[in-house]
Amino acid sequence: MEIERAREDALVAAAAGATTVAVALLSSFTGLVSVATLPALTPLAVYALYLFSRKGGPYGAFDTARNWAIVAAAVGGVVLVVSAVV
């Protein structure tokens, strides 16, 4: 595995993992939202989609590790908002 690809994978994994932990901590300790286990894990599903979609290219202009990391964080935010509303 080339080092650039490993760095990109680590970026997306870190974003998805940090978002998952943040959703779980906000759900457990603040009492403002109550998020079930499965929705709390949805940022990790974004990381899985990233891994399985990277089978060799060609990749589009929007298919970057940075954009996947942003999507993982956005999915975590959506889970929090939906859980707070419902």
Protein backbone atom coordinates (compact mmCIF):
# COMPACT_ATOMS: atom_id res chain seq x y z
CA MET A 1 0.00 0.00 0.00
CA GLU A 2 1.40 3.37 -0.90
CA ILE A 3 1.81 5.92 1.88
CA GLU A 4 -0.52 8.52 0.34
CA ARG A 5 -3.37 6.01 0.17
CA ALA A 6 -2.73 5.01 3.79
CA ARG A 7 -2.84 8.67 4.84
CA GLU A 8 -6.16 9.18 3.06
CA ASP A 9 -7.62 6.05 4.64
CA ALA A 10 -6.47 7.22 8.08
CA LEU A 11 -8.06 10.63 7.55
CA VAL A 12 -11.47 9.18 6.73
CA ALA A 13 -11.20 6.57 9.50
CA ALA A 14 -10.26 9.25 12.05
CA ALA A 15 -13.15 11.49 11.03
CA ALA A 16 -15.67 8.63 11.15
CA GLY A 17 -14.31 7.31 14.44
CA ALA A 18 -14.17 10.71 16.13
CA THR A 19 -17.70 11.51 14.99
CA THR A 20 -18.99 8.17 16.25
CA VAL A 21 -17.34 8.72 19.64
CA ALA A 22 -18.67 12.29 19.81
CA VAL A 23 -22.23 11.15 19.08
CA ALA A 24 -21.96 8.40 21.72
CA LEU A 25 -20.50 10.76 24.34
CA LEU A 26 -23.08 13.45 23.69
CA SER A 27 -25.81 10.85 23.96
CA SER A 28 -24.45 9.29 27.14
CA PHE A 29 -23.30 12.24 29.21
CA THR A 30 -25.24 15.35 28.24
CA GLY A 31 -28.80 14.09 28.37
CA LEU A 32 -29.75 16.53 25.60
CA VAL A 33 -30.16 13.80 23.02
CA SER A 34 -30.72 10.09 23.22
CA VAL A 35 -29.20 8.24 20.29
CA ALA A 36 -29.68 4.49 19.87
CA THR A 37 -26.67 2.30 19.15
CA LEU A 38 -27.29 1.66 15.47
CA PRO A 39 -27.77 5.31 14.46
CA ALA A 40 -24.70 6.25 16.50
CA LEU A 41 -22.63 3.92 14.31
CA THR A 42 -23.71 5.44 10.98
CA PRO A 43 -20.49 7.51 10.54
CA LEU A 44 -18.63 4.20 10.47
CA ALA A 45 -20.93 3.09 7.65
CA VAL A 46 -19.68 6.08 5.65
CA TYR A 47 -16.12 4.84 6.20
CA ALA A 48 -17.15 1.36 5.02
CA LEU A 49 -18.68 2.90 1.88
CA TYR A 50 -15.44 4.80 1.31
CA LEU A 51 -13.37 1.62 1.57
CA PHE A 52 -15.59 -0.44 -0.72
CA SER A 53 -15.91 2.32 -3.32
CA ARG A 54 -12.12 2.66 -3.71
CA LYS A 55 -11.53 -0.33 -5.96
CA GLY A 56 -9.13 1.23 -8.44
CA GLY A 57 -10.65 4.29 -10.06
CA PRO A 58 -11.03 6.36 -12.06
CA TYR A 59 -12.29 8.70 -9.38
CA GLY A 60 -14.26 11.88 -9.95
CA ALA A 61 -13.27 15.34 -8.85
CA PHE A 62 -15.46 15.10 -5.74
CA ASP A 63 -14.28 11.62 -4.73
CA THR A 64 -11.55 12.68 -2.31
CA ALA A 65 -10.68 11.59 1.20
CA ARG A 66 -11.42 15.09 2.50
CA ASN A 67 -14.95 15.00 1.09
CA TRP A 68 -15.58 11.53 2.55
CA ALA A 69 -14.39 12.79 5.95
CA ILE A 70 -16.77 15.75 5.70
CA VAL A 71 -19.63 13.40 4.79
CA ALA A 72 -18.86 11.19 7.82
CA ALA A 73 -18.95 14.23 10.12
CA ALA A 74 -22.13 15.53 8.47
CA VAL A 75 -23.86 12.17 8.93
CA GLY A 76 -23.00 12.30 12.63
CA GLY A 77 -24.47 15.79 12.83
CA VAL A 78 -27.63 14.68 11.07
CA VAL A 79 -27.99 11.77 13.51
CA LEU A 80 -27.72 14.19 16.44
CA VAL A 81 -30.23 16.62 15.00
CA VAL A 82 -32.74 13.92 14.09
CA SER A 83 -32.37 12.29 17.51
CA ALA A 84 -32.89 15.63 19.24
CA VAL A 85 -36.03 16.35 17.23
CA VAL A 86 -37.56 12.88 17.54
